[in-house]
């Protein structure tokens, strides 16, 4: 019964988002778990918004089309995997794009201030924002995450869902800490979960509460409440029409809202500190998601 309730919860959220303009994948067919990308959306975005640039590096009618596409994807992965403080990571690539051979690609068009530029407005409308269910994230086994959101083929967030019939949001947080680690004890990296380089934020969600983390680090993962508050306390107000957490997909994760967050409100901050005894300089980076 618990699994059934969770499946229905997934479906309810995704169908609501699809009605609001999201593309909806009921499974992860076409997801490239090794690169942690959804190539179909990436190439459709480039073909619609930057066909001349794409033609510089991919000949759609040539004998090497698939090879050329793989080379472009590998170049994108390299750009994503660069150090965050050096312009790597999903946020930087969405905002600044990347280059491959003679081509320069924009990976997102954010909402223009006015409607005067028809090309910019058209590109904004062309953004491919997708919600995908049961994404097999691991390159070593068949573990999957309930929901992953993509922008033009790049993953931006993950969600683990628990229904309050038998579990709570704490079970979702526990699942992230125990089974959703970006690096295994053997050093193996799970690309989707690498801090800042693919998914930018991870939501633990139940019918009653939402918590979020921007960096997964096993038992050290720090989740912060992402709730509205209730009677000047923790939690969320009762929703007579459904889950108390419906604001997450009805307000925060609307198409326009998510793109605006990625554009203006999500920030990377890098700081350095020096050990007074050893003189060793330590650099740390945090990702700030608005709450």
C-alpha atoms as a PDB file:
ATOM      1  CA  UNK A   1       0.000   0.000   0.000  1.00  0.00           C
ATOM      2  CA  UNK A   2       2.823   2.402   0.829  1.00  0.00           C
ATOM      3  CA  UNK A   3       4.423   1.911  -2.602  1.00  0.00           C
ATOM      4  CA  UNK A   4       1.061   2.426  -4.280  1.00  0.00           C
ATOM      5  CA  UNK A   5       0.450   5.654  -2.368  1.00  0.00           C
ATOM      6  CA  UNK A   6       3.894   6.940  -3.302  1.00  0.00           C
ATOM      7  CA  UNK A   7       3.313   6.143  -6.968  1.00  0.00           C
ATOM      8  CA  UNK A   8       0.042   8.049  -6.882  1.00  0.00           C
ATOM      9  CA  UNK A   9       1.783  10.968  -5.179  1.00  0.00           C
ATOM     10  CA  UNK A  10       4.388  10.996  -7.977  1.00  0.00           C
ATOM     11  CA  UNK A  11       1.696  10.906 -10.619  1.00  0.00           C
ATOM     12  CA  UNK A  12      -0.308  13.693  -8.996  1.00  0.00           C
ATOM     13  CA  UNK A  13       2.709  16.005  -8.893  1.00  0.00           C
ATOM     14  CA  UNK A  14       3.877  15.246 -12.424  1.00  0.00           C
ATOM     15  CA  UNK A  15       0.449  15.584 -13.999  1.00  0.00           C
ATOM     16  CA  UNK A  16      -0.004  18.953 -12.311  1.00  0.00           C
ATOM     17  CA  UNK A  17       3.381  20.127 -13.608  1.00  0.00           C
ATOM     18  CA  UNK A  18       2.642  18.799 -17.098  1.00  0.00           C
ATOM     19  CA  UNK A  19      -0.590  20.786 -17.164  1.00  0.00           C
ATOM     20  CA  UNK A  20       1.491  23.865 -16.353  1.00  0.00           C
ATOM     21  CA  UNK A  21       3.833  23.529 -19.322  1.00  0.00           C
ATOM     22  CA  UNK A  22       6.396  20.964 -18.197  1.00  0.00           C
ATOM     23  CA  UNK A  23       7.393  18.099 -20.440  1.00  0.00           C
ATOM     24  CA  UNK A  24       6.645  14.844 -18.632  1.00  0.00           C
ATOM     25  CA  UNK A  25       8.504  11.532 -18.810  1.00  0.00           C
ATOM     26  CA  UNK A  26       6.768   8.679 -16.991  1.00  0.00           C
ATOM     27  CA  UNK A  27      10.071   6.787 -16.921  1.00  0.00           C
ATOM     28  CA  UNK A  28      13.724   7.501 -17.627  1.00  0.00           C
ATOM     29  CA  UNK A  29      13.869   6.160 -21.174  1.00  0.00           C
ATOM     30  CA  UNK A  30      16.548   8.120 -23.011  1.00  0.00           C
ATOM     31  CA  UNK A  31      18.329   9.280 -19.862  1.00  0.00           C
ATOM     32  CA  UNK A  32      22.120   8.987 -20.122  1.00  0.00           C
ATOM     33  CA  UNK A  33      23.145   7.973 -16.605  1.00  0.00           C
ATOM     34  CA  UNK A  34      26.878   7.949 -17.394  1.00  0.00           C
ATOM     35  CA  UNK A  35      26.785  11.604 -18.414  1.00  0.00           C
ATOM     36  CA  UNK A  36      23.775  12.471 -16.209  1.00  0.00           C
ATOM     37  CA  UNK A  37      22.065  14.247 -19.123  1.00  0.00           C
ATOM     38  CA  UNK A  38      18.924  13.887 -21.203  1.00  0.00           C
ATOM     39  CA  UNK A  39      20.403  14.284 -24.710  1.00  0.00           C
ATOM     40  CA  UNK A  40      17.110  14.405 -26.607  1.00  0.00           C
ATOM     41  CA  UNK A  41      16.056  17.679 -25.003  1.00  0.00           C
ATOM     42  CA  UNK A  42      19.541  19.129 -25.343  1.00  0.00           C
ATOM     43  CA  UNK A  43      19.709  18.571 -29.092  1.00  0.00           C
ATOM     44  CA  UNK A  44      16.117  19.674 -29.682  1.00  0.00           C
ATOM     45  CA  UNK A  45      16.866  22.889 -27.779  1.00  0.00           C
ATOM     46  CA  UNK A  46      20.004  23.552 -29.823  1.00  0.00           C
ATOM     47  CA  UNK A  47      18.310  22.685 -33.123  1.00  0.00           C
ATOM     48  CA  UNK A  48      15.413  25.058 -32.451  1.00  0.00           C
ATOM     49  CA  UNK A  49      17.327  27.996 -30.999  1.00  0.00           C
ATOM     50  CA  UNK A  50      20.846  27.758 -32.475  1.00  0.00           C
ATOM     51  CA  UNK A  51      20.690  25.704 -35.689  1.00  0.00           C
ATOM     52  CA  UNK A  52      23.596  27.519 -37.361  1.00  0.00           C
ATOM     53  CA  UNK A  53      25.928  26.898 -34.421  1.00  0.00           C
ATOM     54  CA  UNK A  54      24.841  23.262 -34.180  1.00  0.00           C
ATOM     55  CA  UNK A  55      25.493  22.769 -37.905  1.00  0.00           C
ATOM     56  CA  UNK A  56      29.121  23.773 -37.340  1.00  0.00           C
ATOM     57  CA  UNK A  57      29.776  20.632 -35.318  1.00  0.00           C
ATOM     58  CA  UNK A  58      26.984  18.164 -36.163  1.00  0.00           C
ATOM     59  CA  UNK A  59      26.036  17.279 -39.731  1.00  0.00           C
ATOM     60  CA  UNK A  60      22.506  15.828 -39.426  1.00  0.00           C
ATOM     61  CA  UNK A  61      22.793  14.037 -42.785  1.00  0.00           C
ATOM     62  CA  UNK A  62      26.410  12.962 -42.570  1.00  0.00           C
ATOM     63  CA  UNK A  63      27.901   9.549 -41.858  1.00  0.00           C
ATOM     64  CA  UNK A  64      29.399  10.718 -38.543  1.00  0.00           C
ATOM     65  CA  UNK A  65      26.294  12.301 -37.001  1.00  0.00           C
ATOM     66  CA  UNK A  66      26.160  10.019 -33.957  1.00  0.00           C
ATOM     67  CA  UNK A  67      29.889  10.351 -33.371  1.00  0.00           C
ATOM     68  CA  UNK A  68      29.667  14.142 -33.647  1.00  0.00           C
ATOM     69  CA  UNK A  69      26.809  14.229 -31.167  1.00  0.00           C
ATOM     70  CA  UNK A  70      28.807  12.100 -28.731  1.00  0.00           C
ATOM     71  CA  UNK A  71      31.757  14.464 -29.070  1.00  0.00           C
ATOM     72  CA  UNK A  72      29.531  17.458 -28.324  1.00  0.00           C
ATOM     73  CA  UNK A  73      28.071  15.692 -25.280  1.00  0.00           C
ATOM     74  CA  UNK A  74      31.543  14.787 -24.034  1.00  0.00           C
ATOM     75  CA  UNK A  75      32.639  18.413 -24.394  1.00  0.00           C
ATOM     76  CA  UNK A  76      29.587  19.522 -22.401  1.00  0.00           C
ATOM     77  CA  UNK A  77      30.373  16.973 -19.689  1.00  0.00           C
ATOM     78  CA  UNK A  78      33.935  18.284 -19.494  1.00  0.00           C
ATOM     79  CA  UNK A  79      32.608  21.838 -19.083  1.00  0.00           C
ATOM     80  CA  UNK A  80      30.162  20.720 -16.398  1.00  0.00           C
ATOM     81  CA  UNK A  81      32.873  18.806 -14.539  1.00  0.00           C
ATOM     82  CA  UNK A  82      35.283  21.742 -14.401  1.00  0.00           C
ATOM     83  CA  UNK A  83      35.779  23.137 -10.876  1.00  0.00           C
ATOM     84  CA  UNK A  84      32.841  25.288  -9.808  1.00  0.00           C
ATOM     85  CA  UNK A  85      35.099  28.226  -9.010  1.00  0.00           C
ATOM     86  CA  UNK A  86      36.478  28.003 -12.564  1.00  0.00           C
ATOM     87  CA  UNK A  87      33.131  28.188 -14.332  1.00  0.00           C
ATOM     88  CA  UNK A  88      32.110  24.537 -14.180  1.00  0.00           C
ATOM     89  CA  UNK A  89      28.806  23.168 -12.980  1.00  0.00           C
ATOM     90  CA  UNK A  90      25.204  23.282 -14.110  1.00  0.00           C
ATOM     91  CA  UNK A  91      24.433  26.792 -12.896  1.00  0.00           C
ATOM     92  CA  UNK A  92      27.346  28.342 -14.772  1.00  0.00           C
ATOM     93  CA  UNK A  93      26.636  26.412 -17.970  1.00  0.00           C
ATOM     94  CA  UNK A  94      22.952  27.381 -17.921  1.00  0.00           C
ATOM     95  CA  UNK A  95      23.897  31.026 -17.451  1.00  0.00           C
ATOM     96  CA  UNK A  96      26.982  31.233 -19.657  1.00  0.00           C
ATOM     97  CA  UNK A  97      26.818  28.348 -22.128  1.00  0.00           C
ATOM     98  CA  UNK A  98      29.822  26.425 -23.438  1.00  0.00           C
ATOM     99  CA  UNK A  99      32.005  26.146 -26.525  1.00  0.00           C
ATOM    100  CA  UNK A 100      32.791  23.175 -28.721  1.00  0.00           C
ATOM    101  CA  UNK A 101      35.255  23.488 -31.591  1.00  0.00           C
ATOM    102  CA  UNK A 102      34.050  26.458 -33.677  1.00  0.00           C
ATOM    103  CA  UNK A 103      30.624  26.664 -32.036  1.00  0.00           C
ATOM    104  CA  UNK A 104      29.395  28.574 -28.994  1.00  0.00           C
ATOM    105  CA  UNK A 105      26.153  27.369 -27.402  1.00  0.00           C
ATOM    106  CA  UNK A 106      23.710  29.005 -25.024  1.00  0.00           C
ATOM    107  CA  UNK A 107      22.114  26.411 -22.772  1.00  0.00           C
ATOM    108  CA  UNK A 108      19.157  28.437 -21.517  1.00  0.00           C
ATOM    109  CA  UNK A 109      17.244  31.600 -22.343  1.00  0.00           C
ATOM    110  CA  UNK A 110      15.998  33.423 -19.285  1.00  0.00           C
ATOM    111  CA  UNK A 111      12.905  35.578 -19.327  1.00  0.00           C
ATOM    112  CA  UNK A 112      13.569  38.935 -20.986  1.00  0.00           C
ATOM    113  CA  UNK A 113      12.623  42.149 -19.229  1.00  0.00           C
ATOM    114  CA  UNK A 114      10.359  43.148 -22.130  1.00  0.00           C
ATOM    115  CA  UNK A 115       8.638  41.487 -25.087  1.00  0.00           C
ATOM    116  CA  UNK A 116      10.382  43.726 -27.624  1.00  0.00           C
ATOM    117  CA  UNK A 117      12.946  41.188 -28.837  1.00  0.00           C
ATOM    118  CA  UNK A 118      10.946  38.447 -30.564  1.00  0.00           C
ATOM    119  CA  UNK A 119      13.969  36.157 -30.927  1.00  0.00           C
ATOM    120  CA  UNK A 120      14.797  36.277 -27.224  1.00  0.00           C
ATOM    121  CA  UNK A 121      11.159  35.784 -26.268  1.00  0.00           C
ATOM    122  CA  UNK A 122      10.872  32.878 -28.683  1.00  0.00           C
ATOM    123  CA  UNK A 123      13.974  31.241 -27.238  1.00  0.00           C
ATOM    124  CA  UNK A 124      12.596  31.663 -23.727  1.00  0.00           C
ATOM    125  CA  UNK A 125       9.417  29.874 -24.758  1.00  0.00           C
ATOM    126  CA  UNK A 126      11.545  27.160 -26.395  1.00  0.00           C
ATOM    127  CA  UNK A 127      13.237  26.165 -23.114  1.00  0.00           C
ATOM    128  CA  UNK A 128      12.585  22.471 -22.566  1.00  0.00           C
ATOM    129  CA  UNK A 129      11.717  22.013 -18.898  1.00  0.00           C
ATOM    130  CA  UNK A 130      11.108  18.359 -18.085  1.00  0.00           C
ATOM    131  CA  UNK A 131      10.038  16.323 -15.041  1.00  0.00           C
ATOM    132  CA  UNK A 132      11.061  12.654 -15.135  1.00  0.00           C
ATOM    133  CA  UNK A 133       9.984   9.797 -12.895  1.00  0.00           C
ATOM    134  CA  UNK A 134      12.080   6.951 -11.475  1.00  0.00           C
ATOM    135  CA  UNK A 135      15.466   8.017 -12.782  1.00  0.00           C
ATOM    136  CA  UNK A 136      18.112   5.323 -12.465  1.00  0.00           C
ATOM    137  CA  UNK A 137      20.948   7.535 -11.327  1.00  0.00           C
ATOM    138  CA  UNK A 138      23.572   4.977 -10.369  1.00  0.00           C
ATOM    139  CA  UNK A 139      26.157   3.784 -12.854  1.00  0.00           C
ATOM    140  CA  UNK A 140      26.814   0.734 -10.668  1.00  0.00           C
ATOM    141  CA  UNK A 141      23.356  -0.630  -9.870  1.00  0.00           C
ATOM    142  CA  UNK A 142      19.630  -0.053 -10.422  1.00  0.00           C
ATOM    143  CA  UNK A 143      18.879   2.481  -7.685  1.00  0.00           C
ATOM    144  CA  UNK A 144      16.522   5.222  -8.794  1.00  0.00           C
ATOM    145  CA  UNK A 145      15.380   8.641  -7.596  1.00  0.00           C
ATOM    146  CA  UNK A 146      11.656   9.390  -7.613  1.00  0.00           C
ATOM    147  CA  UNK A 147      11.748  12.621  -9.626  1.00  0.00           C
ATOM    148  CA  UNK A 148      14.401  14.596 -11.493  1.00  0.00           C
ATOM    149  CA  UNK A 149      13.837  17.951 -13.201  1.00  0.00           C
ATOM    150  CA  UNK A 150      15.800  18.981 -16.298  1.00  0.00           C
ATOM    151  CA  UNK A 151      16.294  22.234 -18.179  1.00  0.00           C
ATOM    152  CA  UNK A 152      17.291  21.697 -21.806  1.00  0.00           C
ATOM    153  CA  UNK A 153      18.661  18.286 -20.932  1.00  0.00           C
ATOM    154  CA  UNK A 154      20.639  19.362 -17.854  1.00  0.00           C
ATOM    155  CA  UNK A 155      19.449  18.041 -14.472  1.00  0.00           C
ATOM    156  CA  UNK A 156      18.728  20.807 -11.976  1.00  0.00           C
ATOM    157  CA  UNK A 157      16.992  19.124  -9.025  1.00  0.00           C
ATOM    158  CA  UNK A 158      15.949  15.790  -7.539  1.00  0.00           C
ATOM    159  CA  UNK A 159      13.012  14.864  -5.323  1.00  0.00           C
ATOM    160  CA  UNK A 160      12.441  11.888  -3.035  1.00  0.00           C
ATOM    161  CA  UNK A 161       8.796  11.459  -2.035  1.00  0.00           C
ATOM    162  CA  UNK A 162       7.225   9.828   0.996  1.00  0.00           C
ATOM    163  CA  UNK A 163       3.533   9.680   1.748  1.00  0.00           C
ATOM    164  CA  UNK A 164       2.481  10.251   5.331  1.00  0.00           C
ATOM    165  CA  UNK A 165       0.395   7.066   5.440  1.00  0.00           C
ATOM    166  CA  UNK A 166       3.404   5.013   6.567  1.00  0.00           C
ATOM    167  CA  UNK A 167       6.492   7.267   6.272  1.00  0.00           C
ATOM    168  CA  UNK A 168       7.576  10.859   6.857  1.00  0.00           C
ATOM    169  CA  UNK A 169       9.897  13.417   5.317  1.00  0.00           C
ATOM    170  CA  UNK A 170      12.604  12.117   7.664  1.00  0.00           C
ATOM    171  CA  UNK A 171      12.532   8.799   5.799  1.00  0.00           C
ATOM    172  CA  UNK A 172      13.230  10.664   2.565  1.00  0.00           C
ATOM    173  CA  UNK A 173      16.141  12.510   4.190  1.00  0.00           C
ATOM    174  CA  UNK A 174      17.458   9.227   5.567  1.00  0.00           C
ATOM    175  CA  UNK A 175      17.287   7.737   2.076  1.00  0.00           C
ATOM    176  CA  UNK A 176      19.381  10.573   0.661  1.00  0.00           C
ATOM    177  CA  UNK A 177      21.951  10.172   3.428  1.00  0.00           C
ATOM    178  CA  UNK A 178      22.276   6.403   3.184  1.00  0.00           C
ATOM    179  CA  UNK A 179      21.576   5.506  -0.446  1.00  0.00           C
ATOM    180  CA  UNK A 180      22.072   8.716  -2.435  1.00  0.00           C
ATOM    181  CA  UNK A 181      25.745   9.457  -1.940  1.00  0.00           C
ATOM    182  CA  UNK A 182      27.694  11.242  -4.682  1.00  0.00           C
ATOM    183  CA  UNK A 183      30.792   9.171  -3.978  1.00  0.00           C
ATOM    184  CA  UNK A 184      30.920   5.572  -2.807  1.00  0.00           C
ATOM    185  CA  UNK A 185      33.358   4.110  -0.296  1.00  0.00           C
ATOM    186  CA  UNK A 186      35.358   2.806  -3.269  1.00  0.00           C
ATOM    187  CA  UNK A 187      35.666   6.327  -4.676  1.00  0.00           C
ATOM    188  CA  UNK A 188      33.147   5.780  -7.460  1.00  0.00           C
ATOM    189  CA  UNK A 189      31.319   8.994  -8.398  1.00  0.00           C
ATOM    190  CA  UNK A 190      27.607   9.136  -9.227  1.00  0.00           C
ATOM    191  CA  UNK A 191      27.500  12.020 -11.746  1.00  0.00           C
ATOM    192  CA  UNK A 192      23.902  13.139 -11.110  1.00  0.00           C
ATOM    193  CA  UNK A 193      24.615  13.747  -7.421  1.00  0.00           C
ATOM    194  CA  UNK A 194      27.985  15.492  -7.722  1.00  0.00           C
ATOM    195  CA  UNK A 195      27.767  18.790  -5.853  1.00  0.00           C
ATOM    196  CA  UNK A 196      26.975  21.630  -8.250  1.00  0.00           C
ATOM    197  CA  UNK A 197      28.073  19.699 -11.328  1.00  0.00           C
ATOM    198  CA  UNK A 198      24.638  18.251 -12.159  1.00  0.00           C
ATOM    199  CA  UNK A 199      21.584  18.456  -9.867  1.00  0.00           C
ATOM    200  CA  UNK A 200      21.760  21.660  -7.861  1.00  0.00           C
ATOM    201  CA  UNK A 201      19.279  20.950  -5.078  1.00  0.00           C
ATOM    202  CA  UNK A 202      17.681  17.865  -3.552  1.00  0.00           C
ATOM    203  CA  UNK A 203      14.207  17.934  -2.013  1.00  0.00           C
ATOM    204  CA  UNK A 204      12.892  15.483   0.590  1.00  0.00           C
ATOM    205  CA  UNK A 205       9.106  15.743   0.349  1.00  0.00           C
ATOM    206  CA  UNK A 206       6.130  14.274   2.187  1.00  0.00           C
ATOM    207  CA  UNK A 207       2.490  15.323   2.194  1.00  0.00           C
ATOM    208  CA  UNK A 208       3.212  17.536   5.202  1.00  0.00           C
ATOM    209  CA  UNK A 209       6.795  18.819   4.952  1.00  0.00           C
ATOM    210  CA  UNK A 210       9.616  19.726   2.579  1.00  0.00           C
ATOM    211  CA  UNK A 211      13.332  19.795   3.390  1.00  0.00           C
ATOM    212  CA  UNK A 212      16.195  20.570   1.014  1.00  0.00           C
ATOM    213  CA  UNK A 213      19.946  20.126   0.659  1.00  0.00           C
ATOM    214  CA  UNK A 214      22.331  21.461  -1.957  1.00  0.00           C
ATOM    215  CA  UNK A 215      25.222  19.131  -1.082  1.00  0.00           C
ATOM    216  CA  UNK A 216      24.817  15.396  -0.473  1.00  0.00           C
ATOM    217  CA  UNK A 217      27.511  14.081   1.861  1.00  0.00           C
ATOM    218  CA  UNK A 218      26.245  10.848   3.367  1.00  0.00           C
ATOM    219  CA  UNK A 219      25.480  11.121   7.077  1.00  0.00           C
ATOM    220  CA  UNK A 220      26.899  14.656   7.072  1.00  0.00           C
ATOM    221  CA  UNK A 221      24.232  15.881   4.650  1.00  0.00           C
ATOM    222  CA  UNK A 222      22.594  18.984   6.070  1.00  0.00           C
ATOM    223  CA  UNK A 223      18.927  19.403   5.232  1.00  0.00           C
ATOM    224  CA  UNK A 224      17.143  22.695   5.818  1.00  0.00           C
ATOM    225  CA  UNK A 225      13.383  23.066   6.190  1.00  0.00           C
ATOM    226  CA  UNK A 226      11.644  24.412   3.099  1.00  0.00           C
ATOM    227  CA  UNK A 227       8.273  24.931   4.763  1.00  0.00           C
ATOM    228  CA  UNK A 228       5.924  27.902   5.007  1.00  0.00           C
ATOM    229  CA  UNK A 229       5.405  27.627   8.746  1.00  0.00           C
ATOM    230  CA  UNK A 230       2.215  27.005  10.678  1.00  0.00           C
ATOM    231  CA  UNK A 231       0.813  29.109  13.542  1.00  0.00           C
ATOM    232  CA  UNK A 232       4.199  30.844  13.891  1.00  0.00           C
ATOM    233  CA  UNK A 233       5.880  27.456  14.198  1.00  0.00           C
ATOM    234  CA  UNK A 234       7.345  24.723  12.036  1.00  0.00           C
ATOM    235  CA  UNK A 235       5.560  22.796   9.308  1.00  0.00           C
ATOM    236  CA  UNK A 236       2.929  23.971   6.840  1.00  0.00           C
ATOM    237  CA  UNK A 237      -0.649  25.182   6.973  1.00  0.00           C
ATOM    238  CA  UNK A 238      -3.338  22.569   6.399  1.00  0.00           C
ATOM    239  CA  UNK A 239      -4.403  22.432   2.766  1.00  0.00           C
ATOM    240  CA  UNK A 240      -8.085  21.475   2.529  1.00  0.00           C
ATOM    241  CA  UNK A 241      -7.653  20.656  -1.167  1.00  0.00           C
ATOM    242  CA  UNK A 242      -4.657  18.309  -0.963  1.00  0.00           C
ATOM    243  CA  UNK A 243      -1.142  17.968   0.388  1.00  0.00           C
ATOM    244  CA  UNK A 244       0.157  20.705   2.659  1.00  0.00           C
ATOM    245  CA  UNK A 245       3.308  20.705   0.521  1.00  0.00           C
ATOM    246  CA  UNK A 246       1.561  21.393  -2.787  1.00  0.00           C
ATOM    247  CA  UNK A 247       3.090  24.897  -2.823  1.00  0.00           C
ATOM    248  CA  UNK A 248       6.343  23.250  -3.897  1.00  0.00           C
ATOM    249  CA  UNK A 249       5.025  22.169  -7.308  1.00  0.00           C
ATOM    250  CA  UNK A 250       2.210  24.718  -7.567  1.00  0.00           C
ATOM    251  CA  UNK A 251       4.310  27.808  -6.765  1.00  0.00           C
ATOM    252  CA  UNK A 252       8.064  27.166  -6.491  1.00  0.00           C
ATOM    253  CA  UNK A 253       8.451  24.685  -9.348  1.00  0.00           C
ATOM    254  CA  UNK A 254       6.284  26.304 -11.961  1.00  0.00           C
ATOM    255  CA  UNK A 255       8.110  26.667 -15.251  1.00  0.00           C
ATOM    256  CA  UNK A 256       8.582  30.434 -14.945  1.00  0.00           C
ATOM    257  CA  UNK A 257       9.450  30.332 -11.252  1.00  0.00           C
ATOM    258  CA  UNK A 258      12.154  27.687 -11.614  1.00  0.00           C
ATOM    259  CA  UNK A 259      13.783  29.495 -14.545  1.00  0.00           C
ATOM    260  CA  UNK A 260      13.712  32.735 -12.566  1.00  0.00           C
ATOM    261  CA  UNK A 261      15.357  31.030  -9.571  1.00  0.00           C
ATOM    262  CA  UNK A 262      18.106  29.659 -11.820  1.00  0.00           C
ATOM    263  CA  UNK A 263      18.571  33.069 -13.375  1.00  0.00           C
ATOM    264  CA  UNK A 264      18.602  35.376 -10.356  1.00  0.00           C
ATOM    265  CA  UNK A 265      18.331  33.691  -6.980  1.00  0.00           C
ATOM    266  CA  UNK A 266      20.648  30.677  -6.909  1.00  0.00           C
ATOM    267  CA  UNK A 267      24.189  31.630  -5.899  1.00  0.00           C
ATOM    268  CA  UNK A 268      27.576  29.943  -5.600  1.00  0.00           C
ATOM    269  CA  UNK A 269      29.871  31.394  -2.957  1.00  0.00           C
ATOM    270  CA  UNK A 270      33.532  30.401  -2.630  1.00  0.00           C
ATOM    271  CA  UNK A 271      35.565  31.387   0.414  1.00  0.00           C
ATOM    272  CA  UNK A 272      39.135  30.712   1.539  1.00  0.00           C
ATOM    273  CA  UNK A 273      40.599  30.283   5.006  1.00  0.00           C
ATOM    274  CA  UNK A 274      44.156  29.832   6.230  1.00  0.00           C
ATOM    275  CA  UNK A 275      45.212  27.522   9.052  1.00  0.00           C
ATOM    276  CA  UNK A 276      47.055  29.699  11.584  1.00  0.00           C
ATOM    277  CA  UNK A 277      49.468  26.886  12.477  1.00  0.00           C
ATOM    278  CA  UNK A 278      50.215  25.143   9.196  1.00  0.00           C
ATOM    279  CA  UNK A 279      49.553  28.049   6.869  1.00  0.00           C
ATOM    280  CA  UNK A 280      47.541  25.725   4.646  1.00  0.00           C
ATOM    281  CA  UNK A 281      44.868  27.507   2.606  1.00  0.00           C
ATOM    282  CA  UNK A 282      41.488  25.800   2.408  1.00  0.00           C
ATOM    283  CA  UNK A 283      38.891  26.724  -0.187  1.00  0.00           C
ATOM    284  CA  UNK A 284      35.196  25.914   0.252  1.00  0.00           C
ATOM    285  CA  UNK A 285      32.184  26.487  -1.987  1.00  0.00           C
ATOM    286  CA  UNK A 286      28.549  26.631  -0.978  1.00  0.00           C
ATOM    287  CA  UNK A 287      25.435  26.785  -3.127  1.00  0.00           C
ATOM    288  CA  UNK A 288      22.661  29.015  -1.811  1.00  0.00           C
ATOM    289  CA  UNK A 289      19.115  28.109  -2.807  1.00  0.00           C
ATOM    290  CA  UNK A 290      16.425  30.665  -1.835  1.00  0.00           C
ATOM    291  CA  UNK A 291      14.128  29.604   0.996  1.00  0.00           C
END
